[in-house]
Amino acid sequence: MCDLLVALGEATANGSTIFAKNSDRPPTETQLIEVVESRTESTTRATYLEIPGSSDPTLRCVVSRPAWSWGAEHGVNEAGVAIGNATIYTTLDPRPFPDALTGMDLVRLGLERARDARSAVEVIIESIERFGQGGSGHDPTGSRRPYWNSFLVADHRSAWVLETSGREWATEEVRTVRAISNRTTIPGFDDRRHPRQPVETLVDPRWRSTNEFLARGPVTVDGVGRHLTTHGPSDDGWNVCMHVDGVEETTASMIAVLPTSGVPEVRMTQASPCREPWSVVRW
């Protein structure tokens, strides 16, 4: 479970793009905040798969990743590209697919290999088409839990939603503001959503809450921080700030400010933002 939002400069109080994500994961899982330096390598060892390395040096980036995973839940690179993913379920069952690239791997590949949002979308699509998606999105020493992915990708000028099902995908450019959660949302692709997924109770209230927040505008960093600690309207923990005992919890968060020039400002937590103060990442 995850909730993500983006507001382009015309919708924010400071004129910069604001990107944010709450990462909802197993409550006992540890996420690491890392600054990943630029490097040159002939091959890249992702979580389950070895793939050819980038022909150019990778971009320096800051990521938050589960300790067992090569891939990242969310992050920002030195060029000011921010990416995060969310689990989605479609009529295509992910369980029979062999281990390949996870959604988190694709987040990190986009960050390391793209200097703008559109290029990052292309990196993710090309990687999916060439190597496929597959493998558990949770610690593989426990139960195997594969899933498909929705991505939110942004830079200081533009943002995109990318939704996937196996090797199929759809994109939608963001006009001013956009939110994604754990369901398909792009018209023409939403017909792939699994009919038994209980989006009405577990997903739509969170997604609707974020859309309502964005509609109130103008979007500010402080306002986003408060929204990420939202504990309503559900009384069973399935909220933007998630607390479902023993099942799912917000274990990391990020707010990124992507200015038209200069270094991105990145704030992260390694726990629920209602329990841990934001740390500003120093590049």
Protein backbone atom coordinates (compact mmCIF):
# COMPACT_ATOMS: atom_id res chain seq x y z
CA MET A 1 0.00 0.00 0.00
CA CYS A 2 1.21 3.53 -0.80
CA ASP A 3 -0.10 7.02 -1.44
CA LEU A 4 1.64 9.51 -3.73
CA LEU A 5 1.00 13.04 -4.91
CA VAL A 6 2.54 15.69 -7.11
CA ALA A 7 1.79 19.37 -7.65
CA LEU A 8 3.51 21.20 -10.49
CA GLY A 9 4.79 24.74 -9.97
CA GLU A 10 1.60 26.55 -11.02
CA ALA A 11 -0.28 24.71 -8.24
CA THR A 12 2.24 25.35 -5.43
CA ALA A 13 2.86 28.33 -3.20
CA ASN A 14 6.58 28.49 -3.98
CA GLY A 15 6.46 27.82 -7.74
CA SER A 16 8.44 24.57 -7.47
CA THR A 17 7.14 21.08 -8.12
CA ILE A 18 6.28 19.25 -4.88
CA PHE A 19 6.33 15.44 -4.87
CA ALA A 20 5.49 13.21 -1.91
CA LYS A 21 4.93 9.60 -0.94
CA ASN A 22 3.94 7.55 2.08
CA SER A 23 5.44 4.08 1.77
CA ASP A 24 3.26 1.46 3.46
CA ARG A 25 5.05 -1.81 4.13
CA PRO A 26 5.15 -4.70 6.63
CA PRO A 27 5.45 -3.08 10.10
CA THR A 28 8.69 -4.88 11.02
CA GLU A 29 10.51 -4.11 7.76
CA THR A 30 13.45 -1.71 7.90
CA GLN A 31 13.96 0.92 5.20
CA LEU A 32 17.37 2.47 4.60
CA ILE A 33 17.97 6.03 3.41
CA GLU A 34 21.01 6.04 1.15
CA VAL A 35 22.85 8.47 -1.07
CA VAL A 36 23.84 6.36 -4.08
CA GLU A 37 26.90 7.77 -5.80
CA SER A 38 27.38 7.91 -9.56
CA ARG A 39 29.17 4.88 -10.97
CA THR A 40 30.03 3.14 -14.22
CA GLU A 41 29.38 -0.59 -14.49
CA SER A 42 29.05 -3.15 -17.26
CA THR A 43 26.20 -4.94 -15.50
CA THR A 44 23.69 -3.96 -12.83
CA ARG A 45 22.63 -6.51 -10.24
CA ALA A 46 19.02 -5.71 -9.34
CA THR A 47 17.09 -7.59 -6.65
CA TYR A 48 16.61 -10.81 -8.63
CA LEU A 49 18.13 -10.14 -12.01
CA GLU A 50 21.41 -9.03 -13.57
CA ILE A 51 20.96 -6.64 -16.49
CA PRO A 52 23.31 -4.60 -18.70
CA GLY A 53 24.67 -1.48 -17.05
CA SER A 54 24.10 2.05 -18.27
CA SER A 55 26.24 3.23 -21.19
CA ASP A 56 26.76 6.49 -19.27
CA PRO A 57 27.70 7.03 -15.63
CA THR A 58 24.65 6.69 -13.42
CA LEU A 59 23.16 9.74 -11.74
CA ARG A 60 23.74 10.40 -8.06
CA CYS A 61 20.51 9.93 -6.12
CA VAL A 62 19.04 9.60 -2.66
CA VAL A 63 16.73 6.63 -2.13
CA SER A 64 14.70 4.92 0.56
CA ARG A 65 14.75 1.17 0.14
CA PRO A 66 13.80 -1.94 2.13
CA ALA A 67 17.00 -3.42 3.56
CA TRP A 68 16.57 -6.68 1.59
CA SER A 69 15.98 -4.96 -1.78
CA TRP A 70 18.28 -3.39 -4.36
CA GLY A 71 15.37 -1.30 -5.60
CA ALA A 72 13.88 1.77 -3.94
CA GLU A 73 10.42 2.72 -2.72
CA HIS A 74 11.07 6.34 -3.64
CA GLY A 75 13.88 8.76 -4.31
CA VAL A 76 15.25 11.82 -6.09
CA ASN A 77 18.28 12.16 -8.36
CA GLU A 78 20.78 14.97 -8.83
CA ALA A 79 18.95 16.18 -11.96
CA GLY A 80 15.79 16.76 -9.92
CA VAL A 81 13.76 13.71 -10.98
CA ALA A 82 11.55 12.14 -8.30
CA ILE A 83 9.96 8.70 -8.62
CA GLY A 84 7.81 6.47 -6.42
CA ASN A 85 5.71 3.37 -7.02
CA ALA A 86 2.52 1.82 -5.69
CA THR A 87 1.18 -1.74 -5.81
CA ILE A 88 -1.71 -2.35 -8.20
CA TYR A 89 -3.63 -5.52 -9.06
CA THR A 90 -5.08 -6.33 -12.46
CA THR A 91 -6.83 -9.23 -14.15
CA LEU A 92 -3.36 -10.57 -15.00
CA ASP A 93 -2.19 -12.75 -12.10
CA PRO A 94 1.45 -11.84 -11.21
CA ARG A 95 2.10 -15.03 -9.24
CA PRO A 96 3.08 -17.36 -12.13
CA PHE A 97 5.59 -14.89 -13.55
CA PRO A 98 9.29 -15.65 -12.95
CA ASP A 99 11.52 -13.41 -10.89
CA ALA A 100 12.53 -10.38 -12.93
CA LEU A 101 12.49 -6.64 -12.14
CA THR A 102 10.40 -5.47 -9.21
CA GLY A 103 8.61 -2.14 -9.13
CA MET A 104 11.24 -0.90 -6.69
CA ASP A 105 14.02 -1.94 -9.08
CA LEU A 106 12.31 0.08 -11.80
CA VAL A 107 12.11 3.13 -9.53
CA ARG A 108 15.85 2.99 -8.93
CA LEU A 109 16.70 2.36 -12.58
CA GLY A 110 14.68 5.42 -13.57
CA LEU A 111 16.47 7.55 -10.99
CA GLU A 112 19.93 6.36 -11.94
CA ARG A 113 19.48 6.65 -15.71
CA ALA A 114 17.23 9.64 -16.50
CA ARG A 115 17.71 13.41 -16.36
CA ASP A 116 14.05 14.35 -16.74
CA ALA A 117 10.66 12.87 -15.99
CA ARG A 118 9.80 11.83 -19.54
CA SER A 119 13.13 10.06 -19.97
CA ALA A 120 12.60 8.24 -16.65
CA VAL A 121 9.23 6.96 -17.90
CA GLU A 122 10.97 5.71 -21.04
CA VAL A 123 13.68 3.95 -18.99
CA ILE A 124 11.01 2.16 -16.94
CA ILE A 125 8.98 1.16 -20.01
CA GLU A 126 12.04 -0.08 -21.90
CA SER A 127 13.15 -2.09 -18.88
CA ILE A 128 9.71 -3.68 -18.49
CA GLU A 129 9.50 -4.57 -22.19
CA ARG A 130 13.02 -6.01 -22.27
CA PHE A 131 13.29 -7.78 -18.91
CA GLY A 132 9.74 -8.02 -17.55
CA GLN A 133 8.34 -7.57 -14.08
CA GLY A 134 8.31 -10.32 -11.49
CA GLY A 135 9.42 -11.45 -8.08
CA SER A 136 8.21 -10.81 -4.57
CA GLY A 137 7.78 -7.21 -3.55
CA HIS A 138 8.19 -8.33 0.07
CA ASP A 139 11.18 -9.98 1.71
CA PRO A 140 11.56 -13.26 -0.24
CA THR A 141 12.66 -15.13 2.88
CA GLY A 142 9.03 -14.87 3.95
CA SER A 143 5.94 -15.37 1.80
CA ARG A 144 6.26 -14.56 -1.92
CA ARG A 145 4.11 -11.53 -2.83
CA PRO A 146 4.50 -10.33 -6.42
CA TYR A 147 2.42 -7.46 -7.81
CA TRP A 148 2.23 -4.98 -10.67
CA ASN A 149 3.05 -1.32 -10.29
CA SER A 150 1.86 2.20 -10.79
CA PHE A 151 4.53 4.92 -10.91
CA LEU A 152 4.47 8.66 -10.33
CA VAL A 153 7.40 10.45 -11.97
CA ALA A 154 8.15 14.19 -11.80
CA ASP A 155 10.71 16.90 -12.43
CA HIS A 156 10.49 20.68 -12.10
CA ARG A 157 8.54 21.04 -15.38
CA SER A 158 6.40 17.94 -15.82
CA ALA A 159 5.00 14.82 -14.21
CA TRP A 160 3.66 11.50 -15.47
CA VAL A 161 1.63 8.55 -14.23
CA LEU A 162 2.69 5.15 -15.57
CA GLU A 163 0.49 2.11 -14.88
CA THR A 164 1.56 -1.44 -15.70
CA SER A 165 0.25 -4.98 -15.93
CA GLY A 166 2.98 -7.44 -16.83
CA ARG A 167 4.58 -6.00 -19.96
CA GLU A 168 1.54 -3.85 -20.78
CA TRP A 169 1.49 -0.20 -19.75
CA ALA A 170 -0.24 3.15 -20.10
CA THR A 171 0.90 6.70 -19.40
CA GLU A 172 -0.85 9.94 -18.57
CA GLU A 173 0.77 13.36 -18.37
CA VAL A 174 -0.09 15.41 -15.27
CA ARG A 175 -1.60 18.82 -16.00
CA THR A 176 -1.31 20.53 -12.60
CA VAL A 177 -1.84 18.07 -9.72
CA ARG A 178 -2.21 14.30 -9.46
CA ALA A 179 -2.54 11.57 -6.86
CA ILE A 180 -2.10 7.82 -7.16
CA SER A 181 -2.73 4.97 -4.75
CA ASN A 182 -3.20 1.21 -4.97
CA ARG A 183 -5.48 1.03 -8.00
CA THR A 184 -5.47 1.71 -11.72
CA THR A 185 -6.62 5.25 -12.52
CA ILE A 186 -5.78 5.98 -16.17
CA PRO A 187 -8.87 5.95 -18.41
CA GLY A 188 -8.63 3.06 -20.84
CA PHE A 189 -6.36 1.12 -18.49
CA ASP A 190 -8.66 0.99 -15.48
CA ASP A 191 -10.64 -1.81 -17.14
CA ARG A 192 -7.69 -4.07 -16.24
CA ARG A 193 -8.26 -3.59 -12.49
CA HIS A 194 -8.99 -6.86 -10.70
CA PRO A 195 -12.75 -6.97 -10.03
CA ARG A 196 -12.30 -8.48 -6.55
CA GLN A 197 -9.86 -5.86 -5.30
CA PRO A 198 -11.71 -4.03 -2.45
CA VAL A 199 -10.81 -0.55 -3.66
CA GLU A 200 -14.04 0.96 -2.31
CA THR A 201 -12.98 0.34 1.30
CA LEU A 202 -9.17 0.02 1.31
CA VAL A 203 -8.02 2.37 -1.47
CA ASP A 204 -10.58 4.91 -2.68
CA PRO A 205 -10.98 6.73 0.67
CA ARG A 206 -7.22 7.40 0.75
CA TRP A 207 -7.06 8.38 -2.91
CA ARG A 208 -10.09 10.64 -2.54
CA SER A 209 -8.57 12.30 0.55
CA THR A 210 -5.39 13.16 -1.35
CA ASN A 211 -7.32 14.48 -4.36
CA GLU A 212 -9.39 16.68 -2.06
CA PHE A 213 -6.24 18.00 -0.40
CA LEU A 214 -4.69 18.87 -3.77
CA ALA A 215 -7.88 20.56 -4.97
CA ARG A 216 -7.82 22.99 -2.05
CA GLY A 217 -4.45 24.49 -3.16
CA PRO A 218 -2.11 26.20 -3.33
CA VAL A 219 0.03 23.25 -2.24
CA THR A 220 2.74 23.88 0.36
CA VAL A 221 5.42 21.69 1.89
CA ASP A 222 3.93 22.13 5.35
CA GLY A 223 0.49 21.26 4.04
CA VAL A 224 1.80 18.11 2.39
CA GLY A 225 3.53 17.15 5.62
CA ARG A 226 0.26 17.47 7.52
CA HIS A 227 -1.63 15.52 4.86
CA LEU A 228 0.81 12.62 5.09
CA THR A 229 -0.15 12.24 8.77
CA THR A 230 -3.89 11.98 7.96
CA HIS A 231 -5.56 9.27 10.07
CA GLY A 232 -9.12 9.58 8.81
CA PRO A 233 -11.73 8.80 7.63
CA SER A 234 -11.25 5.06 8.25
CA ASP A 235 -11.28 3.88 11.86
CA ASP A 236 -9.47 0.61 11.09
CA GLY A 237 -6.07 2.06 10.15
CA TRP A 238 -6.36 2.00 6.33
CA ASN A 239 -5.58 5.69 5.96
CA VAL A 240 -3.01 7.90 4.24
CA CYS A 241 -0.94 7.54 7.42
CA MET A 242 -1.44 3.80 7.75
CA HIS A 243 -1.51 1.81 10.98
CA VAL A 244 -2.96 -1.68 10.51
CA ASP A 245 -1.52 -3.76 13.34
CA GLY A 246 0.58 -6.66 12.15
CA VAL A 247 -0.34 -6.11 8.49
CA GLU A 248 0.64 -2.76 6.99
CA GLU A 249 2.11 0.48 8.29
CA THR A 250 3.62 3.64 6.90
CA THR A 251 7.29 2.82 7.38
CA ALA A 252 8.87 5.64 5.36
CA SER A 253 7.90 8.95 3.76
CA MET A 254 9.35 11.51 1.42
CA ILE A 255 8.62 15.11 0.42
CA ALA A 256 10.71 16.49 -2.44
CA VAL A 257 10.80 20.08 -3.64
CA LEU A 258 12.01 20.23 -7.25
CA PRO A 259 13.00 23.82 -8.12
CA THR A 260 13.51 25.26 -11.59
CA SER A 261 17.20 25.63 -10.72
CA GLY A 262 19.43 24.46 -7.93
CA VAL A 263 19.55 21.33 -5.81
CA PRO A 264 16.32 19.48 -4.95
CA GLU A 265 15.24 19.70 -1.32
CA VAL A 266 14.44 16.25 0.04
CA ARG A 267 12.85 15.40 3.39
CA MET A 268 12.50 11.80 4.52
CA THR A 269 11.42 9.69 7.46
CA GLN A 270 12.23 6.07 8.29
CA ALA A 271 8.93 5.59 10.09
CA SER A 272 5.43 6.98 10.01
CA PRO A 273 5.56 10.79 9.66
CA CYS A 274 3.21 11.03 12.63
CA ARG A 275 5.88 9.37 14.80
CA GLU A 276 9.18 10.67 13.43
CA PRO A 277 10.26 14.21 12.52
CA TRP A 278 11.37 14.94 8.97
CA SER A 279 15.08 14.75 8.22
CA VAL A 280 16.47 16.99 5.48
CA VAL A 281 18.77 14.94 3.25
CA ARG A 282 22.14 16.57 2.67
CA TRP A 283 23.52 15.93 -0.78
